Protein backbone atom coordinates (compact mmCIF):
# COMPACT_ATOMS: atom_id res chain seq x y z
CA MET A 1 11.28 22.23 14.07
CA ARG A 2 10.23 21.64 17.68
CA LYS A 3 13.20 19.29 18.03
CA SER A 4 15.58 21.92 16.65
CA VAL A 5 14.32 24.50 19.18
CA LEU A 6 14.87 22.06 22.01
CA ALA A 7 18.34 21.21 20.72
CA PHE A 8 19.20 24.90 20.46
CA ALA A 9 17.98 25.49 24.02
CA ALA A 10 20.16 22.67 25.31
CA LEU A 11 23.18 24.19 23.59
CA LEU A 12 22.58 27.47 25.38
CA SER A 13 22.13 25.41 28.38
CA GLY A 14 48.84 39.40 43.93
CA LEU A 15 48.49 35.75 44.88
CA SER A 16 50.63 33.02 43.36
CA ALA A 17 50.15 29.39 42.50
CA PRO A 18 52.62 26.54 41.88
CA ALA A 19 55.09 27.13 39.07
CA ALA A 20 53.82 26.99 35.51
CA SER A 21 55.63 26.36 32.25
CA ALA A 22 54.87 26.01 28.57
CA PHE A 23 54.25 22.31 29.20
CA ASP A 24 51.86 22.88 32.07
CA PRO A 25 48.17 22.45 31.07
CA ASP A 26 47.58 25.87 32.60
CA THR A 27 49.74 27.49 29.90
CA PRO A 28 48.54 26.14 26.52
CA VAL A 29 50.84 26.76 23.58
CA ASP A 30 47.98 27.20 21.09
CA ALA A 31 50.08 25.66 18.33
CA GLU A 32 47.23 24.80 15.96
CA LYS A 33 46.89 27.08 12.97
CA GLU A 34 43.60 28.95 12.98
CA ALA A 35 41.23 29.13 10.03
CA PHE A 36 37.75 30.46 9.28
CA PRO A 37 34.98 29.92 10.14
CA ILE A 38 35.46 30.53 13.86
CA THR A 39 33.61 27.80 15.74
CA LEU A 40 32.59 28.25 19.37
CA GLY A 41 32.76 25.35 21.80
CA SER A 42 31.32 24.50 25.20
CA ASP A 43 33.83 21.97 26.55
CA GLU A 44 35.14 23.22 29.88
CA ASP A 45 38.87 22.89 30.59
CA THR A 46 39.27 20.77 33.73
CA THR A 47 43.04 21.34 34.05
CA ILE A 48 43.09 25.02 35.03
CA ASP A 49 42.35 24.87 38.76
CA MET A 50 45.67 26.52 39.70
CA ALA A 51 44.93 29.59 37.62
CA PHE A 52 41.39 29.76 39.02
CA ARG A 53 42.57 29.60 42.63
CA THR A 54 45.00 32.46 41.96
CA ALA A 55 42.31 34.53 40.23
CA PHE A 56 39.81 34.21 43.05
CA GLY A 57 42.25 34.12 45.96
CA LEU A 58 41.48 30.56 47.02
CA PRO A 59 43.82 28.48 49.18
CA LYS A 60 45.91 25.66 47.77
CA GLY A 61 43.86 22.52 47.29
CA ALA A 62 40.51 24.32 47.27
CA GLY A 63 37.85 23.20 44.83
CA ALA A 64 37.42 25.00 41.52
CA GLU A 65 34.42 27.06 42.57
CA ALA A 66 34.16 30.52 44.11
CA THR A 67 31.16 32.56 45.23
CA ARG A 68 31.06 36.32 44.74
CA THR A 69 28.29 38.60 46.00
CA ILE A 70 27.59 41.31 43.43
CA ASP A 71 24.71 43.77 43.87
CA GLU A 72 23.44 41.59 46.73
CA ARG A 73 23.22 38.51 44.49
CA ALA A 74 25.46 35.46 44.96
CA TYR A 75 27.17 34.18 41.80
CA ARG A 76 28.99 30.83 41.70
CA PHE A 77 32.02 30.98 39.42
CA ARG A 78 33.89 28.08 37.83
CA PRO A 79 36.81 28.10 35.35
CA VAL A 80 35.99 27.20 31.75
CA ALA A 81 38.90 28.24 29.47
CA ILE A 82 42.33 29.87 29.37
CA HIS A 83 44.40 31.45 26.60
CA LEU A 84 48.05 32.46 26.63
CA LEU A 85 48.88 35.92 25.27
CA PRO A 86 52.22 36.60 23.55
CA ASN A 87 53.54 38.42 26.65
CA ASN A 88 53.19 35.25 28.75
CA VAL A 89 49.96 36.45 30.35
CA GLY A 90 47.18 33.92 30.72
CA VAL A 91 43.60 35.07 30.10
CA LEU A 92 41.25 33.03 32.28
CA LEU A 93 37.53 32.91 31.47
CA SER A 94 35.23 31.90 34.33
CA ALA A 95 31.46 31.47 34.20
CA GLY A 96 29.36 32.73 37.08
CA SER A 97 25.88 31.24 37.49
CA LEU A 98 23.07 32.83 39.48
CA ASP A 99 20.93 30.44 41.50
CA ASP A 100 17.19 31.03 41.80
CA ALA A 101 17.31 33.41 38.84
CA GLY A 102 14.28 34.55 36.91
CA HIS A 103 13.96 33.78 33.21
CA SER A 104 15.32 37.14 32.09
CA GLU A 105 18.22 37.19 34.57
CA GLY A 106 21.63 36.22 33.26
CA GLY A 107 24.80 35.08 34.94
CA LEU A 108 28.16 36.84 34.74
CA ASN A 109 31.46 36.14 33.00
CA ALA A 110 34.75 36.93 34.70
CA ILE A 111 38.07 37.53 32.97
CA HIS A 112 41.39 37.52 34.81
CA TYR A 113 44.83 38.37 33.48
CA LEU A 114 47.43 36.16 35.15
CA LYS A 115 51.18 36.58 34.67
CA SER A 116 53.20 33.38 34.44
CA SER A 117 56.39 33.60 36.51
CA ALA A 118 58.96 31.35 38.14
CA ALA A 119 56.84 31.50 41.30
CA GLY A 120 53.65 30.60 39.44
CA TRP A 121 50.62 32.63 38.43
CA VAL A 122 50.35 36.24 39.64
CA LYS A 123 47.04 38.06 39.23
CA GLN A 124 47.32 41.25 37.19
CA GLY A 125 43.69 42.25 36.73
CA GLU A 126 40.06 41.23 37.13
CA TRP A 127 37.01 42.18 35.05
CA ILE A 128 33.49 40.91 35.80
CA GLY A 129 30.52 41.40 33.50
CA ILE A 130 32.32 40.90 30.18
CA GLY A 131 30.89 39.23 27.09
CA ALA A 132 27.60 37.45 26.37
CA THR A 133 25.43 35.62 28.90
CA GLY A 134 22.29 33.52 28.80
CA THR A 135 18.98 33.52 30.62
CA VAL A 136 17.84 31.77 33.82
CA GLY A 137 21.10 32.61 35.60
CA ASN A 138 23.47 31.24 32.96
CA ALA A 139 26.75 32.86 32.00
CA ALA A 140 28.23 32.27 28.53
CA THR A 141 27.38 28.82 27.22
CA SER A 142 29.99 28.71 24.43
CA TRP A 143 33.22 30.53 23.67
CA ALA A 144 36.35 30.71 21.53
CA PHE A 145 39.66 32.56 21.62
CA THR A 146 40.94 33.76 18.25
CA ASN A 147 43.81 35.71 16.71
CA LEU A 148 41.99 36.26 13.41
CA LEU A 149 40.12 39.49 14.15
CA GLY A 150 42.88 41.96 14.97
CA ARG A 151 46.37 42.73 16.19
CA ASN A 152 45.24 41.73 19.68
CA PRO A 153 43.59 38.38 20.42
CA TYR A 154 39.81 38.27 20.81
CA LEU A 155 37.43 36.25 22.97
CA ILE A 156 34.03 35.40 21.51
CA THR A 157 31.34 34.39 23.98
CA ALA A 158 27.74 33.42 23.31
CA GLY A 159 24.56 32.86 25.27
CA GLY A 160 20.83 33.00 24.75
CA GLY A 161 17.46 31.68 25.73
CA VAL A 162 14.02 30.51 24.65
CA TRP A 163 10.93 32.71 24.65
CA GLN A 164 7.58 30.95 24.03
CA GLY A 165 9.10 28.44 21.64
CA CYS A 166 11.52 30.81 19.91
CA ALA A 167 15.24 30.56 20.66
CA ILE A 168 17.75 33.36 20.13
CA GLY A 169 21.52 33.20 20.65
CA SER A 170 23.76 36.27 20.82
CA ALA A 171 27.55 36.49 20.62
CA VAL A 172 29.88 39.24 21.86
CA VAL A 173 33.38 39.89 20.51
CA THR A 174 35.82 41.05 23.21
CA GLU A 175 39.24 42.45 22.37
CA LEU A 176 41.94 41.30 24.80
CA THR A 177 44.05 44.46 24.91
CA PRO A 178 47.23 44.63 27.06
CA GLU A 179 45.33 46.94 29.43
CA GLY A 180 42.34 44.63 29.75
CA PRO A 181 39.34 43.17 27.88
CA VAL A 182 37.05 45.50 25.90
CA ASP A 183 33.68 44.43 24.49
CA ARG A 184 33.55 45.50 20.83
CA GLY A 185 29.96 44.63 19.96
CA GLY A 186 28.13 41.50 18.96
CA PHE A 187 25.93 39.61 16.52
CA THR A 188 23.12 37.05 16.47
CA ASN A 189 24.74 33.62 16.25
CA GLY A 190 21.59 31.50 16.28
CA MET A 191 17.82 31.62 15.90
CA SER A 192 15.17 28.91 15.82
CA SER A 193 11.38 29.26 15.89
CA GLY A 194 8.26 27.24 15.18
CA ALA A 195 7.45 25.60 18.51
CA GLY A 196 5.15 28.43 19.60
CA ILE A 197 1.58 29.00 18.49
CA GLY A 198 1.41 30.80 15.16
CA GLN A 199 5.19 30.94 14.71
CA THR A 200 6.89 30.56 11.35
CA GLU A 201 9.29 27.63 11.24
CA GLN A 202 12.78 28.92 10.55
CA GLU A 203 16.31 28.32 11.74
CA TYR A 204 19.64 30.14 11.37
CA GLU A 205 23.19 29.58 12.57
CA GLY A 206 25.92 32.20 12.15
CA ARG A 207 29.72 31.95 12.36
CA ILE A 208 32.44 34.48 11.60
CA ALA A 209 33.70 33.40 8.18
CA ALA A 210 36.07 36.23 7.20
CA ALA A 211 37.69 39.34 8.62
CA VAL A 212 39.78 42.38 7.76
CA PRO A 213 41.76 42.64 11.03
CA ASP A 214 40.78 45.60 13.22
CA LYS A 215 38.35 46.84 10.55
CA SER A 216 35.53 44.39 9.85
CA PHE A 217 34.32 40.80 10.00
CA THR A 218 31.68 38.84 8.09
CA VAL A 219 29.18 36.41 9.60
CA ALA A 220 27.98 33.62 7.31
CA TYR A 221 24.51 32.27 8.09
CA THR A 222 23.10 28.89 7.14
CA GLY A 223 19.67 27.41 7.73
CA THR A 224 16.33 28.43 6.29
CA ARG A 225 18.32 30.55 3.85
CA SER A 226 21.99 31.32 3.46
CA PHE A 227 23.42 34.83 3.50
CA LYS A 228 26.33 36.89 4.80
CA GLN A 229 26.31 39.97 6.99
CA GLN A 230 29.23 42.33 7.47
CA TYR A 231 30.14 44.18 10.67
CA VAL A 232 32.39 47.24 10.55
CA LEU A 233 34.36 48.79 13.41
CA ASN A 234 32.94 52.24 14.12
CA SER A 235 34.00 54.33 17.15
CA GLY A 236 35.27 51.24 18.94
CA LYS A 237 32.24 49.01 18.26
CA TYR A 238 31.45 46.55 15.48
CA GLU A 239 28.14 47.50 13.85
CA PRO A 240 26.17 45.73 11.10
CA VAL A 241 26.22 47.18 7.61
CA GLY A 242 22.54 47.75 6.96
CA LYS A 243 19.67 46.07 8.79
CA ASP A 244 20.20 42.84 10.74
CA GLN A 245 18.90 40.14 8.41
CA VAL A 246 18.28 37.55 11.14
CA PRO A 247 14.61 37.67 12.23
CA GLY A 248 13.86 38.13 15.92
CA CYS A 249 11.37 36.29 18.06
């Protein structure tokens, strides 16, 4: 189990740009048909520098990194993923890391809406502090865009950390409305314990396996035991039906 904890910890570990088109890597077509379960990934897109420079107001040819000072702390942002909405707006996800962070301090995620035009990308909006983050200065460590949860696309981000040999991962579901991203709640997407003194060895991994769009979704867990947990939309937030069955640290 010690190996599984370590493996889980590693897993957690108005401006315009040149013209874009449906064949530009900055404007993915997303042609693949989606299916459950929704699987998050951590591969960073290395082809979206143009969108990132527009989002953060960087000059042409600048590197794909930007520093923002927020509440007197300097966060270093880098682009990780982009998704094209039906109205030809690109949603750019950037991860902001915090150097010299304490264990309980997380990074920040940034979301930008970028309109694709004949002149290139045009920034429409910026939101910082959206979605799930990790510990020790990390922003989200895995993510996925999906059209399976509602009439609007969703972004799922996840992050977590390790506390005295027990690892916990949390995911946040964010609705990408035309007016901007809205966090709609979250769920535990991973748990692993047994490396600490006196801990029970157990391990769980959860993925969204079904949904009634704009009403509910179901997370299927595998590991020490298998079970499903439903989340229902209530007053704008997804909440678990009954008690969370995933043990905490």
